[in-house]
Amino acid sequence: MALSAGVPDGASMSYLSNADVKVGIDLNRGGAIVFLARAGEENVINNFDLGRQVQLSFFSGPVPFSVNGQQPSEHWEHIGWNPIQAGDDFKHGSKVLEHRNDGQSIYVKTLPLQWPLNNVPGDCTFESWLRLDGAVVTVRARLNNARVDKMQYPARLQELPAVYANAPFHRVVSYTGDQPFSDAPANIIPKSTGKHPWSFWQGTEGWAALLDDNDRGLGLLTPGRTFFTGGFAGKPGPNDTHATSTGYLAGQGQEILDHNIVYEFRYELLAGTLAEIRARAMASKASSSALPAWTFENDRQGWIYMNARDAGWPVRGALQVTLDQEDPQLLSAFSFWRAEEAPRLSIECAIKTSHKTAVVYWQRHGEDAPGAKDFIQFPIQGDGEFHRYEIDLASVPSYKGSIIRLRFDPVPVGSAGDTITIKSVRLMKPR
């Protein structure tokens, strides 16, 4: 297929298009998305180097990460294990193992490269499925790990996915308020005040965008996820796919990536106006407004641990967590709900311990952690048998307003032999 204007040099392209939009992946860059444009318009994706594009990128330990004695450069020591879809920092493109395009969908399987190392394949594969829904690109993405290192490293922030746009799209916009889907004004995300150019925020409508001065650009929609990072580096300029100046977005999730995990997520891309991006998010309001409920039949549902570890992948019906460290904690994925709509909490679990009480904390919208009064203590049975605990959150005066996260401390202090097997955590409506 003939190349379109605005693709990177040396590209081998595979496209999908309809009357609204055209999207293209580059088979010389691991099948990463290098082209996205509305009909008759220019490509909005930045391709300055192999760390840009729209691509899959995952993180785990150890930090730093080395292979056969090859060490990352000092600049990348903090990255750790980081296979990415397009290639590495040494200008090697990742290898496409399989590719199909039937005109309606694209499938691509990739052997990624470790970004910080020189031509070192990742001990994993990536898979992506792309389709068009009007002007929207819908993507299902999968990581298949096959690491020799079987250590369960702590959860890391993942780029789900990494998105880079060209220099005209310098305004980072999202909705960060506590009235999602109410037509409240969108928010300009302020520039980072730290050394790193990217900011972090809760996008409570599940979208973020990189826009020009006319509210046109590139939107990222992340069904089921509300945590984002992004920013702009450089100076606003012309729409040049090779320029160093770029806007950046990523849907964020903290995830444990076991040595053998199969991890999937979905996202959407929309090249268009702010109004179009928010309208697409509004279409998902029904699912987004459901009360959070996490059932651990096949995976962790985005939950992570502090001072604890579980039995690893695969998950079979429940999370089996060892509680033998100081102050073990289970933390939910970020979400959004109103306290008055979810006054009760149900936890189905089996706890083996001599302790008699557990604690649930909640993190309110706009706060970085639970407040001093944002918790409830409740009695438990430490017999190792399954029980369903129904907790009256509304009995605590501070449980009010908008909430974004739960923290569950099954025991105050871990001891040898203490465990929890947890099947589900569900927020519930008033009786």
Protein backbone atom coordinates (compact mmCIF):
# COMPACT_ATOMS: atom_id res chain seq x y z
CA MET A 1 0.00 0.00 0.00
CA ALA A 2 1.35 3.40 -0.89
CA LEU A 3 2.66 5.49 1.98
CA SER A 4 0.70 8.49 3.19
CA ALA A 5 2.37 11.81 3.89
CA GLY A 6 3.59 12.20 7.43
CA VAL A 7 4.83 8.66 8.13
CA PRO A 8 8.32 8.06 9.55
CA ASP A 9 11.25 7.37 7.26
CA GLY A 10 11.67 3.74 6.22
CA ALA A 11 8.17 2.76 7.30
CA SER A 12 6.39 -0.38 6.15
CA MET A 13 2.76 0.56 6.63
CA SER A 14 -0.48 -1.29 7.21
CA TYR A 15 -3.62 0.87 7.24
CA LEU A 16 -7.30 0.84 8.14
CA SER A 17 -9.52 3.64 6.85
CA ASN A 18 -13.13 4.69 6.45
CA ALA A 19 -14.92 7.89 5.54
CA ASP A 20 -13.91 9.48 8.85
CA VAL A 21 -10.38 8.43 9.75
CA LYS A 22 -7.22 6.61 8.70
CA VAL A 23 -4.88 4.77 11.07
CA GLY A 24 -1.59 3.09 10.24
CA ILE A 25 0.90 0.83 11.99
CA ASP A 26 4.55 0.44 10.99
CA LEU A 27 5.76 -3.15 10.57
CA ASN A 28 9.35 -1.93 10.87
CA ARG A 29 8.57 -0.44 14.27
CA GLY A 30 6.92 -3.39 15.96
CA GLY A 31 3.45 -2.59 14.67
CA ALA A 32 3.24 0.61 16.73
CA ILE A 33 0.68 3.19 15.58
CA VAL A 34 2.63 5.83 13.64
CA PHE A 35 -0.20 7.44 11.65
CA LEU A 36 -3.62 8.79 12.64
CA ALA A 37 -5.54 11.43 10.74
CA ARG A 38 -9.09 12.48 10.08
CA ALA A 39 -10.08 12.25 6.42
CA GLY A 40 -8.30 14.94 4.42
CA GLU A 41 -6.15 16.04 7.38
CA GLU A 42 -2.54 15.50 8.47
CA ASN A 43 -1.02 12.87 10.72
CA VAL A 44 -1.11 13.87 14.40
CA ILE A 45 1.28 11.17 15.74
CA ASN A 46 4.86 12.08 16.64
CA ASN A 47 7.66 9.81 15.36
CA PHE A 48 10.83 11.65 16.41
CA ASP A 49 12.42 8.42 17.68
CA LEU A 50 11.40 4.89 18.63
CA GLY A 51 10.23 6.03 22.04
CA ARG A 52 7.33 8.05 20.60
CA GLN A 53 4.39 6.77 18.44
CA VAL A 54 1.34 5.22 20.11
CA GLN A 55 2.71 2.04 21.56
CA LEU A 56 2.70 -0.57 24.30
CA SER A 57 5.23 -0.15 27.09
CA PHE A 58 5.50 -2.13 30.32
CA PHE A 59 7.61 -1.85 33.47
CA SER A 60 8.85 -4.23 36.15
CA GLY A 61 11.96 -5.08 38.15
CA PRO A 62 14.77 -5.36 38.69
CA VAL A 63 16.01 -1.78 38.67
CA PRO A 64 18.45 -1.38 37.02
CA PHE A 65 17.86 -4.16 34.49
CA SER A 66 20.75 -5.85 32.67
CA VAL A 67 21.13 -8.85 30.33
CA ASN A 68 24.31 -10.93 30.00
CA GLY A 69 26.34 -8.17 31.59
CA GLN A 70 25.01 -5.41 29.33
CA GLN A 71 24.06 -2.47 31.54
CA PRO A 72 21.70 0.38 30.66
CA SER A 73 23.19 3.79 30.22
CA GLU A 74 23.23 5.94 33.35
CA HIS A 75 20.36 7.96 31.90
CA TRP A 76 18.08 4.87 31.88
CA GLU A 77 19.17 3.08 35.06
CA HIS A 78 15.93 4.05 36.80
CA ILE A 79 13.73 2.45 34.12
CA GLY A 80 14.34 -1.20 34.98
CA TRP A 81 12.71 -3.90 32.85
CA ASN A 82 10.98 -1.99 30.03
CA PRO A 83 10.07 -3.77 26.78
CA ILE A 84 8.41 -1.39 24.31
CA GLN A 85 6.64 -2.00 21.03
CA ALA A 86 8.49 0.24 18.56
CA GLY A 87 12.14 -0.47 19.39
CA ASP A 88 15.01 0.61 21.61
CA ASP A 89 16.96 3.75 22.39
CA PHE A 90 19.71 2.55 20.02
CA LYS A 91 17.51 2.87 16.89
CA HIS A 92 16.71 -0.83 16.48
CA GLY A 93 13.11 -1.52 15.51
CA SER A 94 11.18 -4.31 17.25
CA LYS A 95 10.31 -7.38 15.19
CA VAL A 96 6.81 -8.16 13.97
CA LEU A 97 6.16 -11.88 14.35
CA GLU A 98 2.69 -11.98 12.80
CA HIS A 99 0.45 -9.51 11.00
CA ARG A 100 -3.02 -9.68 9.44
CA ASN A 101 -5.13 -6.95 7.84
CA ASP A 102 -8.51 -7.88 6.31
CA GLY A 103 -9.59 -4.29 5.73
CA GLN A 104 -11.84 -4.35 8.79
CA SER A 105 -9.28 -5.05 11.50
CA ILE A 106 -5.53 -5.31 12.03
CA TYR A 107 -3.82 -7.92 14.17
CA VAL A 108 -0.12 -7.65 14.99
CA LYS A 109 2.13 -9.74 17.23
CA THR A 110 5.46 -8.25 18.26
CA LEU A 111 8.73 -9.31 19.85
CA PRO A 112 9.53 -6.03 21.63
CA LEU A 113 12.96 -4.68 22.51
CA GLN A 114 14.16 -3.50 25.90
CA TRP A 115 14.18 0.29 25.60
CA PRO A 116 17.27 0.95 27.80
CA LEU A 117 19.47 -1.78 26.23
CA ASN A 118 21.18 -2.22 22.86
CA ASN A 119 19.20 -4.62 20.63
CA VAL A 120 18.01 -6.87 23.48
CA PRO A 121 14.67 -8.62 22.85
CA GLY A 122 12.10 -8.54 25.61
CA ASP A 123 11.32 -11.90 27.20
CA CYS A 124 7.69 -11.47 26.19
CA THR A 125 5.44 -10.78 23.22
CA PHE A 126 2.83 -8.09 22.56
CA GLU A 127 -0.42 -8.50 20.65
CA SER A 128 -2.72 -5.75 19.36
CA TRP A 129 -6.12 -5.81 17.66
CA LEU A 130 -7.24 -2.58 15.94
CA ARG A 131 -10.68 -1.74 14.57
CA LEU A 132 -12.51 1.43 13.50
CA ASP A 133 -15.81 2.60 14.98
CA GLY A 134 -16.66 5.69 12.99
CA ALA A 135 -13.90 8.19 13.78
CA VAL A 136 -12.67 6.15 16.75
CA VAL A 137 -9.80 3.65 16.73
CA THR A 138 -10.53 0.87 19.23
CA VAL A 139 -7.61 -1.25 20.41
CA ARG A 140 -7.31 -4.42 22.47
CA ALA A 141 -3.75 -5.00 23.68
CA ARG A 142 -2.07 -7.97 25.36
CA LEU A 143 1.24 -8.68 27.08
CA ASN A 144 2.41 -12.32 27.16
CA ASN A 145 5.29 -12.66 29.61
CA ALA A 146 7.83 -15.51 29.41
CA ARG A 147 10.54 -14.35 31.80
CA VAL A 148 13.21 -16.65 33.16
CA ASP A 149 13.37 -14.44 36.25
CA LYS A 150 10.45 -15.69 38.38
CA MET A 151 10.70 -13.03 41.11
CA GLN A 152 7.41 -11.24 41.89
CA TYR A 153 8.50 -7.61 41.70
CA PRO A 154 6.40 -4.83 43.24
CA ALA A 155 3.72 -3.14 41.16
CA ARG A 156 4.89 -0.46 38.75
CA LEU A 157 3.03 2.23 36.82
CA GLN A 158 2.31 1.02 33.28
CA GLU A 159 1.75 3.08 30.12
CA LEU A 160 -1.65 1.87 28.90
CA PRO A 161 -0.69 2.96 26.24
CA ALA A 162 1.99 5.61 25.61
CA VAL A 163 0.69 8.31 23.21
CA TYR A 164 2.80 11.01 21.54
CA ALA A 165 1.35 13.81 19.39
CA ASN A 166 2.93 16.51 17.25
CA ALA A 167 3.96 20.01 18.30
CA PRO A 168 0.70 21.90 17.54
CA PHE A 169 -1.09 19.89 20.23
CA HIS A 170 0.49 21.52 23.26
CA ARG A 171 -2.57 21.93 25.52
CA VAL A 172 -3.14 19.00 27.89
CA VAL A 173 -6.86 18.77 28.66
CA SER A 174 -9.01 16.39 30.70
CA TYR A 175 -11.87 16.50 33.19
CA THR A 176 -10.55 16.21 36.74
CA GLY A 177 -13.53 17.36 38.78
CA ASP A 178 -15.99 15.49 40.99
CA GLN A 179 -19.02 16.02 38.73
CA PRO A 180 -18.19 13.74 35.76
CA PHE A 181 -20.58 13.56 32.81
CA SER A 182 -22.36 16.72 33.91
CA ASP A 183 -21.09 19.03 31.12
CA ALA A 184 -18.88 20.82 33.64
CA PRO A 185 -15.99 22.62 31.92
CA ALA A 186 -12.92 20.58 31.00
CA ASN A 187 -9.66 21.32 32.79
CA ILE A 188 -6.30 22.45 31.47
CA ILE A 189 -3.70 20.22 33.14
CA PRO A 190 -0.98 22.45 34.59
CA LYS A 191 2.63 21.90 33.69
CA SER A 192 4.70 19.84 36.06
CA THR A 193 6.67 21.88 38.57
CA GLY A 194 9.28 19.13 39.04
CA LYS A 195 12.26 18.07 36.99
CA HIS A 196 10.15 15.70 34.91
CA PRO A 197 7.88 17.37 32.32
CA TRP A 198 4.85 15.11 32.93
CA SER A 199 2.00 15.65 35.37
CA PHE A 200 -0.36 13.08 36.96
CA TRP A 201 -4.11 13.44 37.50
CA GLN A 202 -7.44 11.72 37.97
CA GLY A 203 -9.47 12.07 34.78
CA THR A 204 -12.84 11.15 36.23
CA GLU A 205 -14.57 10.87 32.83
CA GLY A 206 -11.94 8.42 31.58
CA TRP A 207 -10.34 10.54 28.86
CA ALA A 208 -7.48 12.97 28.23
CA ALA A 209 -6.48 14.96 25.17
CA LEU A 210 -3.64 16.86 23.52
CA LEU A 211 -5.19 19.86 21.75
CA ASP A 212 -4.16 22.85 19.68
CA ASP A 213 -5.37 26.40 20.29
CA ASN A 214 -8.63 25.59 18.49
CA ASP A 215 -9.54 22.60 20.66
CA ARG A 216 -8.59 20.07 17.99
CA GLY A 217 -6.12 17.25 18.43
CA LEU A 218 -5.82 13.74 19.79
CA GLY A 219 -7.93 12.13 22.51
CA LEU A 220 -7.13 9.02 24.55
CA LEU A 221 -10.06 7.18 26.12
CA THR A 222 -9.40 4.51 28.75
CA PRO A 223 -12.48 2.43 29.60
CA GLY A 224 -12.48 1.56 33.28
CA ARG A 225 -9.42 3.65 34.13
CA THR A 226 -9.26 7.21 35.46
CA PHE A 227 -5.55 7.73 36.19
CA PHE A 228 -3.43 9.61 33.63
CA THR A 229 -0.05 11.16 33.08
CA GLY A 230 0.95 13.61 30.38
CA GLY A 231 2.40 16.93 29.39
CA PHE A 232 4.18 18.81 26.64
CA ALA A 233 7.94 18.97 26.05
CA GLY A 234 9.52 21.57 23.79
CA LYS A 235 7.80 24.42 21.98
CA PRO A 236 4.53 24.51 20.03
CA GLY A 237 5.23 24.38 16.31
CA PRO A 238 4.20 22.99 12.93
CA ASN A 239 2.59 19.57 12.49
CA ASP A 240 5.83 17.67 11.77
CA THR A 241 5.93 13.98 12.66
CA HIS A 242 9.75 14.11 12.92
CA ALA A 243 9.98 17.13 15.26
CA THR A 244 11.44 16.73 18.74
CA SER A 245 8.71 18.83 20.45
CA THR A 246 5.83 16.61 21.49
CA GLY A 247 2.78 16.17 23.65
CA TYR A 248 2.48 13.00 25.72
CA LEU A 249 -0.35 11.06 27.34
CA ALA A 250 -0.61 7.67 29.00
CA GLY A 251 -3.41 5.84 30.66
CA GLN A 252 -1.92 4.72 33.95
CA GLY A 253 -2.36 1.54 35.93
CA GLN A 254 -0.27 0.16 38.78
CA GLU A 255 0.21 -3.52 38.00
CA ILE A 256 2.24 -6.51 39.13
CA LEU A 257 3.63 -8.17 36.00
CA ASP A 258 4.43 -11.78 36.91
CA HIS A 259 7.05 -13.71 34.96
CA ASN A 260 4.28 -15.61 33.12
CA ILE A 261 1.38 -13.16 33.15
CA VAL A 262 -1.08 -12.64 30.30
CA TYR A 263 -2.25 -9.07 30.78
CA GLU A 264 -4.88 -7.31 28.63
CA PHE A 265 -6.28 -3.82 28.42
CA ARG A 266 -8.32 -1.72 25.98
CA TYR A 267 -8.09 1.87 24.83
CA GLU A 268 -9.47 4.20 22.17
CA LEU A 269 -7.99 7.01 20.08
CA LEU A 270 -9.92 9.86 18.53
CA ALA A 271 -8.40 12.51 16.27
CA GLY A 272 -10.89 15.37 16.38
CA THR A 273 -12.37 18.06 18.57
CA LEU A 274 -12.71 18.32 22.33
CA ALA A 275 -16.48 18.09 21.90
CA GLU A 276 -16.15 14.83 19.96
CA ILE A 277 -13.79 13.32 22.52
CA ARG A 278 -16.10 14.15 25.43
CA ALA A 279 -19.13 12.88 23.51
CA ARG A 280 -17.39 9.53 23.06
CA ALA A 281 -16.65 9.44 26.79
CA MET A 282 -20.26 10.32 27.52
CA ALA A 283 -21.37 7.29 25.51
CA SER A 284 -19.65 5.10 28.10
CA LYS A 285 -21.34 6.82 31.05
CA ALA A 286 -23.57 3.85 31.88
CA SER A 287 -20.64 1.53 32.57
CA SER A 288 -18.52 4.25 34.14
CA SER A 289 -21.24 5.19 36.64
CA ALA A 290 -21.71 1.64 37.94
CA LEU A 291 -20.48 1.12 41.48
CA PRO A 292 -16.99 -0.41 41.60
CA ALA A 293 -16.98 -4.16 42.20
CA TRP A 294 -13.85 -6.28 42.02
CA THR A 295 -14.17 -10.05 41.62
CA PHE A 296 -10.83 -11.87 41.59
CA GLU A 297 -11.76 -14.92 39.55
CA ASN A 298 -9.06 -14.64 36.88
CA ASP A 299 -6.87 -11.63 37.69
CA ARG A 300 -6.05 -8.97 40.26
CA GLN A 301 -8.51 -6.40 38.87
CA GLY A 302 -5.82 -3.74 39.24
CA TRP A 303 -5.30 -4.32 42.98
CA ILE A 304 -1.77 -4.11 44.32
CA TYR A 305 0.04 -4.71 47.63
CA MET A 306 2.26 -2.92 50.06
CA ASN A 307 4.31 -5.14 52.37
CA ALA A 308 2.60 -8.26 50.99
CA ARG A 309 2.75 -10.68 48.06
CA ASP A 310 0.40 -13.15 46.47
CA ALA A 311 0.69 -16.64 44.97
CA GLY A 312 1.33 -15.28 41.48
CA TRP A 313 -0.12 -15.93 38.07
CA PRO A 314 -2.46 -17.44 37.07
CA VAL A 315 -5.16 -16.32 39.48
CA ARG A 316 -7.62 -19.15 40.12
CA GLY A 317 -10.81 -17.94 41.75
CA ALA A 318 -9.26 -15.73 44.43
CA LEU A 319 -6.15 -13.80 45.43
CA GLN A 320 -3.98 -15.74 47.87
CA VAL A 321 -1.95 -13.16 49.78
CA THR A 322 0.78 -13.75 52.37
CA LEU A 323 0.66 -11.29 55.29
CA ASP A 324 3.97 -11.93 57.07
CA GLN A 325 5.42 -8.39 56.77
CA GLU A 326 4.96 -5.23 58.81
CA ASP A 327 1.69 -3.38 58.02
CA PRO A 328 0.49 -5.40 54.98
CA GLN A 329 -1.94 -3.51 52.73
CA LEU A 330 -4.16 -4.29 49.75
CA LEU A 331 -4.91 -1.27 47.53
CA SER A 332 -7.61 -1.03 44.88
CA ALA A 333 -7.23 0.38 41.42
CA PHE A 334 -8.27 4.02 41.11
CA SER A 335 -11.95 4.53 40.40
CA PHE A 336 -14.67 7.07 41.20
CA TRP A 337 -17.87 6.91 43.21
CA ARG A 338 -19.98 9.01 45.54
CA ALA A 339 -20.14 7.94 49.14
CA GLU A 340 -23.89 8.47 49.43
CA GLU A 341 -24.46 6.08 46.51
CA ALA A 342 -22.30 3.34 48.06
CA PRO A 343 -22.75 3.36 51.84
CA ARG A 344 -21.95 -0.33 52.28
CA LEU A 345 -18.97 -2.53 51.43
CA SER A 346 -18.92 -6.31 51.06
CA ILE A 347 -15.69 -8.31 51.31
CA GLU A 348 -15.70 -12.07 50.74
CA CYS A 349 -12.50 -13.59 52.07
CA ALA A 350 -10.83 -16.14 54.33
CA ILE A 351 -8.33 -14.72 56.83
CA LYS A 352 -5.95 -16.87 58.82
CA THR A 353 -4.58 -14.89 61.77
CA SER A 354 -4.73 -14.46 65.53
CA HIS A 355 -5.80 -10.81 65.08
CA LYS A 356 -9.43 -9.94 65.70
CA THR A 357 -9.96 -6.79 63.60
CA ALA A 358 -9.24 -5.44 60.12
CA VAL A 359 -9.39 -1.91 58.72
CA VAL A 360 -10.68 -0.35 55.48
CA TYR A 361 -9.46 3.11 54.44
CA TRP A 362 -10.76 5.34 51.66
CA GLN A 363 -9.03 8.02 49.62
CA ARG A 364 -11.16 11.01 48.73
CA HIS A 365 -11.13 12.85 45.41
CA GLY A 366 -8.44 15.53 45.44
CA GLU A 367 -6.41 13.85 48.19
CA ASP A 368 -3.14 11.94 47.83
CA ALA A 369 -3.91 9.47 50.61
CA PRO A 370 -6.63 8.63 53.15
CA GLY A 371 -7.17 11.32 55.76
CA ALA A 372 -6.60 10.77 59.47
CA LYS A 373 -10.29 9.92 60.01
CA ASP A 374 -10.97 8.12 56.72
CA PHE A 375 -11.17 4.53 57.96
CA ILE A 376 -13.39 1.99 59.62
CA GLN A 377 -12.37 -0.92 61.83
CA PHE A 378 -14.43 -4.11 61.84
CA PRO A 379 -14.25 -7.54 63.51
CA ILE A 380 -12.95 -10.55 61.59
CA GLN A 381 -12.81 -14.30 62.10
CA GLY A 382 -9.25 -15.53 61.72
CA ASP A 383 -10.16 -19.20 61.25
CA GLY A 384 -9.07 -19.44 57.62
CA GLU A 385 -12.66 -20.08 56.48
CA PHE A 386 -14.57 -17.94 53.98
CA HIS A 387 -16.84 -15.27 55.42
CA ARG A 388 -18.66 -12.36 53.85
CA TYR A 389 -18.09 -9.15 55.81
CA GLU A 390 -20.62 -6.36 55.24
CA ILE A 391 -19.21 -3.05 56.44
CA ASP A 392 -21.30 0.05 57.13
CA LEU A 393 -19.06 2.75 55.66
CA ALA A 394 -21.73 5.40 56.14
CA SER A 395 -21.47 4.99 59.92
CA VAL A 396 -18.23 7.01 59.76
CA PRO A 397 -18.88 10.78 59.43
CA SER A 398 -15.87 11.33 57.13
CA TYR A 399 -17.20 8.87 54.54
CA LYS A 400 -18.79 11.46 52.29
CA GLY A 401 -18.34 13.14 48.95
CA SER A 402 -16.34 11.67 46.08
CA ILE A 403 -14.04 8.68 46.66
CA ILE A 404 -11.36 7.32 44.32
CA ARG A 405 -9.67 4.39 46.09
CA LEU A 406 -9.90 1.80 48.86
CA ARG A 407 -7.18 0.36 51.04
CA PHE A 408 -7.75 -2.86 52.99
CA ASP A 409 -5.50 -3.81 55.91
CA PRO A 410 -6.52 -7.38 56.87
CA VAL A 411 -4.19 -7.39 59.90
CA PRO A 412 -2.43 -4.57 61.76
CA VAL A 413 0.90 -6.41 61.92
CA GLY A 414 1.81 -9.39 59.79
CA SER A 415 3.10 -12.60 61.33
CA ALA A 416 4.41 -15.90 60.00
CA GLY A 417 1.45 -17.96 58.84
CA ASP A 418 -0.94 -15.02 58.40
CA THR A 419 -2.75 -15.15 55.06
CA ILE A 420 -5.85 -13.87 53.28
CA THR A 421 -7.66 -15.50 50.37
CA ILE A 422 -9.95 -12.87 48.90
CA LYS A 423 -12.68 -13.54 46.34
CA SER A 424 -14.36 -10.16 45.96
CA VAL A 425 -14.75 -6.57 47.16
CA ARG A 426 -18.00 -4.82 46.28
CA LEU A 427 -19.41 -1.40 47.01
CA MET A 428 -23.16 -1.56 47.52
CA LYS A 429 -26.14 0.78 47.27
CA PRO A 430 -28.33 1.78 50.23
CA ARG A 431 -30.75 -0.89 51.40
